[in-house]
PDB file of N, CA and C in Angstrom:
ATOM      1  N   MET A   1      25.169 122.243 117.840  1.00  0.00           N
ATOM      2  CA  MET A   1      24.243 122.107 117.108  1.00  0.00           C
ATOM      3  C   MET A   1      23.095 120.852 118.179  1.00  0.00           C
ATOM      4  N   GLY A   2      24.297 119.069 118.070  1.00  0.00           N
ATOM      5  CA  GLY A   2      23.616 118.600 118.572  1.00  0.00           C
ATOM      6  C   GLY A   2      22.219 117.767 118.889  1.00  0.00           C
ATOM      7  N   SER A   3      21.822 117.006 119.822  1.00  0.00           N
ATOM      8  CA  SER A   3      19.861 116.976 119.306  1.00  0.00           C
ATOM      9  C   SER A   3      19.842 117.569 119.574  1.00  0.00           C
ATOM     10  N   GLU A   4      19.879 118.936 119.920  1.00  0.00           N
ATOM     11  CA  GLU A   4      18.422 120.028 119.394  1.00  0.00           C
ATOM     12  C   GLU A   4      18.587 120.913 118.765  1.00  0.00           C
ATOM     13  N   ALA A   5      19.283 120.161 117.748  1.00  0.00           N
ATOM     14  CA  ALA A   5      19.281 121.150 116.247  1.00  0.00           C
ATOM     15  C   ALA A   5      17.685 120.999 115.918  1.00  0.00           C
ATOM     16  N   PRO A   6      17.138 122.347 115.571  1.00  0.00           N
ATOM     17  CA  PRO A   6      16.447 122.607 114.887  1.00  0.00           C
ATOM     18  C   PRO A   6      15.890 122.099 113.751  1.00  0.00           C
ATOM     19  N   ALA A   7      15.194 120.900 113.166  1.00  0.00           N
ATOM     20  CA  ALA A   7      15.013 120.514 112.126  1.00  0.00           C
ATOM     21  C   ALA A   7      15.158 120.800 110.784  1.00  0.00           C
ATOM     22  N   ASP A   8      13.927 121.974 111.358  1.00  0.00           N
ATOM     23  CA  ASP A   8      13.094 122.820 109.955  1.00  0.00           C
ATOM     24  C   ASP A   8      14.810 123.480 109.335  1.00  0.00           C
ATOM     25  N   ASN A   9      15.653 124.121 110.690  1.00  0.00           N
ATOM     26  CA  ASN A   9      16.845 124.668 109.509  1.00  0.00           C
ATOM     27  C   ASN A   9      17.433 124.554 109.266  1.00  0.00           C
ATOM     28  N   MET A  10      17.461 122.976 109.090  1.00  0.00           N
ATOM     29  CA  MET A  10      18.677 121.989 108.443  1.00  0.00           C
ATOM     30  C   MET A  10      18.016 121.363 107.311  1.00  0.00           C
ATOM     31  N   ILE A  11      16.295 121.437 107.086  1.00  0.00           N
ATOM     32  CA  ILE A  11      15.966 121.069 106.081  1.00  0.00           C
ATOM     33  C   ILE A  11      16.825 122.690 104.691  1.00  0.00           C
ATOM     34  N   ALA A  12      16.182 123.537 105.618  1.00  0.00           N
ATOM     35  CA  ALA A  12      15.922 124.755 104.712  1.00  0.00           C
ATOM     36  C   ALA A  12      18.089 124.763 104.571  1.00  0.00           C
ATOM     37  N   THR A  13      18.206 124.688 104.782  1.00  0.00           N
ATOM     38  CA  THR A  13      19.975 124.684 104.347  1.00  0.00           C
ATOM     39  C   THR A  13      20.105 123.621 103.406  1.00  0.00           C
ATOM     40  N   ILE A  14      19.593 121.650 103.562  1.00  0.00           N
ATOM     41  CA  ILE A  14      20.426 121.663 102.316  1.00  0.00           C
ATOM     42  C   ILE A  14      18.977 121.325 101.276  1.00  0.00           C
ATOM     43  N   VAL A  15      18.157 122.005 101.385  1.00  0.00           N
ATOM     44  CA  VAL A  15      18.110 122.323 100.239  1.00  0.00           C
ATOM     45  C   VAL A  15      18.147 123.985  99.555  1.00  0.00           C
ATOM     46  N   THR A  16      18.074 124.647 100.523  1.00  0.00           N
ATOM     47  CA  THR A  16      18.898 125.840  99.999  1.00  0.00           C
ATOM     48  C   THR A  16      20.393 125.579  99.423  1.00  0.00           C
ATOM     49  N   SER A  17      21.055 125.083  99.111  1.00  0.00           N
ATOM     50  CA  SER A  17      21.738 124.198  98.933  1.00  0.00           C
ATOM     51  C   SER A  17      21.847 123.904  97.683  1.00  0.00           C
ATOM     52  N   ILE A  18      21.464 122.882  97.684  1.00  0.00           N
ATOM     53  CA  ILE A  18      21.230 121.945  96.653  1.00  0.00           C
ATOM     54  C   ILE A  18      21.087 123.182  95.289  1.00  0.00           C
ATOM     55  N   VAL A  19      19.412 124.330  95.578  1.00  0.00           N
ATOM     56  CA  VAL A  19      18.754 124.936  94.815  1.00  0.00           C
ATOM     57  C   VAL A  19      19.874 125.569  94.522  1.00  0.00           C
ATOM     58  N   ALA A  20      21.132 126.526  95.118  1.00  0.00           N
ATOM     59  CA  ALA A  20      21.823 127.014  94.447  1.00  0.00           C
ATOM     60  C   ALA A  20      22.352 126.481  93.586  1.00  0.00           C
ATOM     61  N   LEU A  21      22.622 125.838  93.871  1.00  0.00           N
ATOM     62  CA  LEU A  21      23.534 124.409  92.702  1.00  0.00           C
ATOM     63  C   LEU A  21      23.209 124.439  91.129  1.00  0.00           C
ATOM     64  N   ALA A  22      22.224 124.040  92.188  1.00  0.00           N
ATOM     65  CA  ALA A  22      21.241 123.960  90.122  1.00  0.00           C
ATOM     66  C   ALA A  22      20.768 124.704  89.397  1.00  0.00           C
ATOM     67  N   PHE A  23      19.920 125.928  89.739  1.00  0.00           N
ATOM     68  CA  PHE A  23      19.223 127.409  89.259  1.00  0.00           C
ATOM     69  C   PHE A  23      20.651 127.894  87.866  1.00  0.00           C
ATOM     70  N   PRO A  24      21.917 127.633  87.883  1.00  0.00           N
ATOM     71  CA  PRO A  24      21.969 127.807  87.297  1.00  0.00           C
ATOM     72  C   PRO A  24      22.101 127.263  85.397  1.00  0.00           C
ATOM     73  N   LEU A  25      21.194 126.735  85.910  1.00  0.00           N
ATOM     74  CA  LEU A  25      21.785 125.200  84.872  1.00  0.00           C
ATOM     75  C   LEU A  25      20.559 125.027  84.532  1.00  0.00           C
ATOM     76  N   ALA A  26      19.281 125.581  85.357  1.00  0.00           N
ATOM     77  CA  ALA A  26      18.346 125.330  84.490  1.00  0.00           C
ATOM     78  C   ALA A  26      17.835 126.473  83.316  1.00  0.00           C
ATOM     79  N   LEU A  27      18.410 127.613  83.685  1.00  0.00           N
ATOM     80  CA  LEU A  27      18.172 128.408  81.926  1.00  0.00           C
ATOM     81  C   LEU A  27      18.467 127.856  81.167  1.00  0.00           C
ATOM     82  N   PRO A  28      20.306 127.229  81.114  1.00  0.00           N
ATOM     83  CA  PRO A  28      20.111 126.708  79.587  1.00  0.00           C
ATOM     84  C   PRO A  28      19.514 125.454  79.197  1.00  0.00           C
ATOM     85  N   PHE A  29      19.326 124.711  79.697  1.00  0.00           N
ATOM     86  CA  PHE A  29      18.458 123.080  80.079  1.00  0.00           C
ATOM     87  C   PHE A  29      16.877 123.600  79.272  1.00  0.00           C
ATOM     88  N   SER A  30      16.372 124.451  80.347  1.00  0.00           N
ATOM     89  CA  SER A  30      14.875 124.545  79.570  1.00  0.00           C
ATOM     90  C   SER A  30      15.393 125.249  78.132  1.00  0.00           C
ATOM     91  N   HIS A  31      15.645 126.196  77.510  1.00  0.00           N
ATOM     92  CA  HIS A  31      16.099 126.407  76.531  1.00  0.00           C
ATOM     93  C   HIS A  31      16.536 125.613  75.441  1.00  0.00           C
ATOM     94  N   ARG A  32      16.833 124.115  75.920  1.00  0.00           N
ATOM     95  CA  ARG A  32      17.400 122.868  74.870  1.00  0.00           C
ATOM     96  C   ARG A  32      15.778 123.180  73.762  1.00  0.00           C
ATOM     97  N   PHE A  33      14.610 122.517  74.855  1.00  0.00           N
ATOM     98  CA  PHE A  33      13.422 122.717  74.031  1.00  0.00           C
ATOM     99  C   PHE A  33      12.560 123.508  73.034  1.00  0.00           C
ATOM    100  N   GLY A  34      12.187 123.945  72.820  1.00  0.00           N
ATOM    101  CA  GLY A  34      11.282 124.649  71.704  1.00  0.00           C
ATOM    102  C   GLY A  34      10.083 125.489  72.699  1.00  0.00           C
ATOM    103  N   ARG A  35       9.115 126.997  72.452  1.00  0.00           N
ATOM    104  CA  ARG A  35       8.728 127.839  72.934  1.00  0.00           C
ATOM    105  C   ARG A  35       7.927 126.892  73.230  1.00  0.00           C
ATOM    106  N   LYS A  36       6.360 125.797  71.855  1.00  0.00           N
ATOM    107  CA  LYS A  36       5.778 125.300  72.974  1.00  0.00           C
ATOM    108  C   LYS A  36       5.806 125.091  74.338  1.00  0.00           C
ATOM    109  N   ALA A  37       6.962 123.310  74.684  1.00  0.00           N
ATOM    110  CA  ALA A  37       7.411 122.894  75.331  1.00  0.00           C
ATOM    111  C   ALA A  37       7.774 124.050  76.479  1.00  0.00           C
ATOM    112  N   LEU A  38       7.865 125.169  76.463  1.00  0.00           N
ATOM    113  CA  LEU A  38       8.200 125.685  77.747  1.00  0.00           C
ATOM    114  C   LEU A  38       7.124 126.345  78.236  1.00  0.00           C
ATOM    115  N   LEU A  39       5.643 126.748  77.577  1.00  0.00           N
ATOM    116  CA  LEU A  39       5.315 127.149  77.948  1.00  0.00           C
ATOM    117  C   LEU A  39       3.711 126.404  78.538  1.00  0.00           C
ATOM    118  N   ARG A  40       4.304 125.004  77.753  1.00  0.00           N
ATOM    119  CA  ARG A  40       2.920 123.837  78.801  1.00  0.00           C
ATOM    120  C   ARG A  40       4.252 123.234  79.369  1.00  0.00           C
ATOM    121  N   GLY A  41       5.144 122.978  79.874  1.00  0.00           N
ATOM    122  CA  GLY A  41       5.962 122.890  80.693  1.00  0.00           C
ATOM    123  C   GLY A  41       5.622 123.934  82.199  1.00  0.00           C
ATOM    124  N   VAL A  42       5.771 125.171  82.082  1.00  0.00           N
ATOM    125  CA  VAL A  42       5.199 126.646  82.925  1.00  0.00           C
ATOM    126  C   VAL A  42       3.734 126.872  83.716  1.00  0.00           C
ATOM    127  N   PHE A  43       2.819 125.903  82.556  1.00  0.00           N
ATOM    128  CA  PHE A  43       1.456 125.624  82.319  1.00  0.00           C
ATOM    129  C   PHE A  43       1.192 124.948  83.417  1.00  0.00           C
ATOM    130  N   ASN A  44       1.662 124.475  82.799  1.00  0.00           N
ATOM    131  CA  ASN A  44       1.500 122.080  83.990  1.00  0.00           C
ATOM    132  C   ASN A  44       2.277 122.905  85.557  1.00  0.00           C
ATOM    133  N   VAL A  45       3.243 123.641  86.419  1.00  0.00           N
ATOM    134  CA  VAL A  45       4.493 123.720  86.785  1.00  0.00           C
ATOM    135  C   VAL A  45       2.846 124.210  87.141  1.00  0.00           C
ATOM    136  N   PHE A  46       2.155 125.244  87.103  1.00  0.00           N
ATOM    137  CA  PHE A  46       1.248 126.379  87.324  1.00  0.00           C
ATOM    138  C   PHE A  46       0.178 125.787  88.060  1.00  0.00           C
ATOM    139  N   ILE A  47      -0.652 124.936  87.135  1.00  0.00           N
ATOM    140  CA  ILE A  47      -2.142 124.000  88.244  1.00  0.00           C
ATOM    141  C   ILE A  47      -1.059 122.724  89.123  1.00  0.00           C
ATOM    142  N   LEU A  48       0.462 122.405  89.222  1.00  0.00           N
ATOM    143  CA  LEU A  48       0.501 121.278  90.122  1.00  0.00           C
ATOM    144  C   LEU A  48       0.796 122.457  91.156  1.00  0.00           C
ATOM    145  N   VAL A  49       1.053 123.370  91.080  1.00  0.00           N
ATOM    146  CA  VAL A  49       1.324 124.957  92.577  1.00  0.00           C
ATOM    147  C   VAL A  49       0.108 125.011  93.512  1.00  0.00           C
ATOM    148  N   GLY A  50      -0.861 125.374  92.463  1.00  0.00           N
ATOM    149  CA  GLY A  50      -2.253 125.587  92.480  1.00  0.00           C
ATOM    150  C   GLY A  50      -2.607 124.749  93.270  1.00  0.00           C
ATOM    151  N   VAL A  51      -3.406 123.143  92.171  1.00  0.00           N
ATOM    152  CA  VAL A  51      -3.754 121.975  93.556  1.00  0.00           C
ATOM    153  C   VAL A  51      -3.202 121.820  94.496  1.00  0.00           C
ATOM    154  N   LEU A  52      -1.809 121.491  94.826  1.00  0.00           N
ATOM    155  CA  LEU A  52      -1.321 121.494  96.248  1.00  0.00           C
ATOM    156  C   LEU A  52      -1.225 122.856  97.103  1.00  0.00           C
ATOM    157  N   MET A  53      -1.781 123.493  96.955  1.00  0.00           N
ATOM    158  CA  MET A  53      -1.966 124.432  98.013  1.00  0.00           C
ATOM    159  C   MET A  53      -3.291 124.548  98.248  1.00  0.00           C
ATOM    160  N   ALA A  54      -4.266 124.067  97.287  1.00  0.00           N
ATOM    161  CA  ALA A  54      -5.626 123.716  97.011  1.00  0.00           C
ATOM    162  C   ALA A  54      -5.410 122.412  98.625  1.00  0.00           C
ATOM    163  N   LEU A  55      -4.818 121.743  98.475  1.00  0.00           N
ATOM    164  CA  LEU A  55      -4.565 120.437  99.384  1.00  0.00           C
ATOM    165  C   LEU A  55      -4.411 120.190 101.168  1.00  0.00           C
ATOM    166  N   PHE A  56      -2.977 121.398 100.918  1.00  0.00           N
ATOM    167  CA  PHE A  56      -2.827 121.739 101.726  1.00  0.00           C
ATOM    168  C   PHE A  56      -3.590 122.909 102.418  1.00  0.00           C
ATOM    169  N   ALA A  57      -4.141 123.974 101.786  1.00  0.00           N
ATOM    170  CA  ALA A  57      -5.167 125.175 102.226  1.00  0.00           C
ATOM    171  C   ALA A  57      -6.336 123.537 103.344  1.00  0.00           C
ATOM    172  N   LEU A  58      -6.891 123.069 102.768  1.00  0.00           N
ATOM    173  CA  LEU A  58      -7.751 122.203 103.336  1.00  0.00           C
ATOM    174  C   LEU A  58      -7.364 121.241 104.447  1.00  0.00           C
ATOM    175  N   ARG A  59      -6.451 120.999 104.661  1.00  0.00           N
ATOM    176  CA  ARG A  59      -5.634 120.124 106.154  1.00  0.00           C
ATOM    177  C   ARG A  59      -6.247 121.383 106.856  1.00  0.00           C
ATOM    178  N   VAL A  60      -6.089 120.231 108.239  1.00  0.00           N
ATOM    179  CA  VAL A  60      -6.313 121.258 109.781  1.00  0.00           C
ATOM    180  C   VAL A  60      -4.951 121.281 110.479  1.00  0.00           C
ATOM    181  N   PRO A  61      -4.668 122.847 110.292  1.00  0.00           N
ATOM    182  CA  PRO A  61      -2.440 121.926 110.993  1.00  0.00           C
ATOM    183  C   PRO A  61      -2.749 122.043 112.548  1.00  0.00           C
ATOM    184  N   PHE A  62      -3.650 122.325 113.025  1.00  0.00           N
ATOM    185  CA  PHE A  62      -3.554 121.905 114.891  1.00  0.00           C
ATOM    186  C   PHE A  62      -4.328 119.982 115.431  1.00  0.00           C
ATOM    187  N   ASP A  63      -3.612 119.831 115.337  1.00  0.00           N
ATOM    188  CA  ASP A  63      -4.451 118.208 116.203  1.00  0.00           C
ATOM    189  C   ASP A  63      -4.644 118.026 117.405  1.00  0.00           C
ATOM    190  N   LYS A  64      -4.763 117.454 118.386  1.00  0.00           N
ATOM    191  CA  LYS A  64      -4.651 116.912 119.563  1.00  0.00           C
ATOM    192  C   LYS A  64      -3.778 117.331 121.036  1.00  0.00           C
ATOM    193  N   MET A  65      -2.210 117.252 120.457  1.00  0.00           N
ATOM    194  CA  MET A  65      -1.085 117.589 120.269  1.00  0.00           C
ATOM    195  C   MET A  65      -0.460 118.391 119.901  1.00  0.00           C
ATOM    196  N   HIS A  66      -1.351 119.698 119.942  1.00  0.00           N
ATOM    197  CA  HIS A  66      -0.323 120.818 119.638  1.00  0.00           C
ATOM    198  C   HIS A  66      -0.261 121.926 120.361  1.00  0.00           C
ATOM    199  N   GLN A  67      -1.014 121.732 121.209  1.00  0.00           N
ATOM    200  CA  GLN A  67      -0.054 122.573 122.626  1.00  0.00           C
ATOM    201  C   GLN A  67       0.996 121.536 123.499  1.00  0.00           C
ATOM    202  N   LYS A  68       1.547 120.499 123.365  1.00  0.00           N
ATOM    203  CA  LYS A  68       2.112 119.770 124.091  1.00  0.00           C
ATOM    204  C   LYS A  68       3.731 120.036 123.496  1.00  0.00           C
ATOM    205  N   ARG A  69       3.568 119.865 121.643  1.00  0.00           N
ATOM    206  CA  ARG A  69       4.791 120.604 121.470  1.00  0.00           C
ATOM    207  C   ARG A  69       4.937 121.466 121.201  1.00  0.00           C
ATOM    208  N   LEU A  70       5.331 122.208 121.683  1.00  0.00           N
ATOM    209  CA  LEU A  70       6.409 123.391 121.812  1.00  0.00           C
ATOM    210  C   LEU A  70       7.786 122.965 122.661  1.00  0.00           C
ATOM    211  N   PHE A  71       8.434 123.333 121.461  1.00  0.00           N
ATOM    212  CA  PHE A  71      10.662 123.609 121.058  1.00  0.00           C
ATOM    213  C   PHE A  71      11.072 124.783 121.728  1.00  0.00           C
ATOM    214  N   VAL A  72      10.471 124.235 123.020  1.00  0.00           N
ATOM    215  CA  VAL A  72      11.075 125.324 124.605  1.00  0.00           C
ATOM    216  C   VAL A  72      11.937 124.698 125.210  1.00  0.00           C
ATOM    217  N   ILE A  73      13.397 124.939 124.922  1.00  0.00           N
ATOM    218  CA  ILE A  73      14.302 123.807 126.430  1.00  0.00           C
ATOM    219  C   ILE A  73      13.671 124.663 127.313  1.00  0.00           C
ATOM    220  N   TYR A  74      12.440 124.913 128.897  1.00  0.00           N
ATOM    221  CA  TYR A  74      11.963 125.272 129.563  1.00  0.00           C
ATOM    222  C   TYR A  74      12.765 124.551 131.165  1.00  0.00           C
ATOM    223  N   GLN A  75      13.227 125.453 132.312  1.00  0.00           N
ATOM    224  CA  GLN A  75      13.746 124.817 133.354  1.00  0.00           C
ATOM    225  C   GLN A  75      13.184 125.488 134.542  1.00  0.00           C
ATOM    226  N   GLU A  76      13.211 124.837 135.318  1.00  0.00           N
ATOM    227  CA  GLU A  76      12.361 125.250 136.584  1.00  0.00           C
ATOM    228  C   GLU A  76      13.125 125.037 137.702  1.00  0.00           C
ATOM    229  N   ASN A  77      13.938 125.635 138.322  1.00  0.00           N
ATOM    230  CA  ASN A  77      14.600 125.250 139.784  1.00  0.00           C
ATOM    231  C   ASN A  77      13.529 125.609 140.328  1.00  0.00           C
ATOM    232  N   VAL A  78      12.813 123.937 141.862  1.00  0.00           N
ATOM    233  CA  VAL A  78      11.852 124.103 142.415  1.00  0.00           C
ATOM    234  C   VAL A  78      12.433 123.963 143.644  1.00  0.00           C
ATOM    235  N   GLU A  79      13.444 124.374 144.406  1.00  0.00           N
ATOM    236  CA  GLU A  79      14.192 123.510 145.266  1.00  0.00           C
ATOM    237  C   GLU A  79      14.233 125.373 145.980  1.00  0.00           C
ATOM    238  N   CYS A  80      14.543 126.352 144.925  1.00  0.00           N
ATOM    239  CA  CYS A  80      15.230 127.538 145.340  1.00  0.00           C
ATOM    240  C   CYS A  80      13.827 128.373 146.194  1.00  0.00           C
ATOM    241  N   ILE A  81      12.123 127.408 146.156  1.00  0.00           N
ATOM    242  CA  ILE A  81      11.628 128.472 146.189  1.00  0.00           C
ATOM    243  C   ILE A  81      11.566 128.712 147.442  1.00  0.00           C
ATOM    244  N   ILE A  82      11.235 129.957 148.103  1.00  0.00           N
ATOM    245  CA  ILE A  82      11.543 130.213 149.613  1.00  0.00           C
ATOM    246  C   ILE A  82      10.474 131.147 150.045  1.00  0.00           C
ATOM    247  N   ILE A  83       9.790 129.860 150.887  1.00  0.00           N
ATOM    248  CA  ILE A  83       7.380 130.684 151.294  1.00  0.00           C
ATOM    249  C   ILE A  83       8.476 131.373 152.281  1.00  0.00           C
ATOM    250  N   SER A  84       8.426 132.524 152.506  1.00  0.00           N
ATOM    251  CA  SER A  84       8.289 133.048 153.864  1.00  0.00           C
ATOM    252  C   SER A  84       7.464 133.821 154.415  1.00  0.00           C
ATOM    253  N   SER A  85       6.410 133.566 155.813  1.00  0.00           N
ATOM    254  CA  SER A  85       5.286 133.772 156.338  1.00  0.00           C
ATOM    255  C   SER A  85       5.923 134.859 157.406  1.00  0.00           C
ATOM    256  N   TYR A  86       6.730 136.259 157.399  1.00  0.00           N
ATOM    257  CA  TYR A  86       6.865 136.872 158.054  1.00  0.00           C
ATOM    258  C   TYR A  86       5.423 138.273 159.194  1.00  0.00           C
ATOM    259  N   THR A  87       5.404 138.174 160.153  1.00  0.00           N
ATOM    260  CA  THR A  87       4.567 138.877 160.641  1.00  0.00           C
ATOM    261  C   THR A  87       5.253 140.168 161.029  1.00  0.00           C
ATOM    262  N   TYR A  88       4.055 140.673 160.859  1.00  0.00           N
ATOM    263  CA  TYR A  88       5.235 142.456 161.143  1.00  0.00           C
ATOM    264  C   TYR A  88       4.423 142.872 162.394  1.00  0.00           C
TER     265      TYR A  88
END
């Protein structure tokens, strides 16, 4: 992949591998606490996700450089353009 590796895919791979290793341990670890603590934790995470969704919904996703950041490799061979003007 080298210098052309998409950063989104690399971050997604790292996060997926870490979550895949940690997820089986989450259920037994959460049952060490009581029902009241579990419900409070789920409620707090719910509130946190809602606040984060509201914050990111308020942001403007585009800036003045948006159109110039196109992650596509484009190459045009301008030497092979032949302009011919035949008259019949």
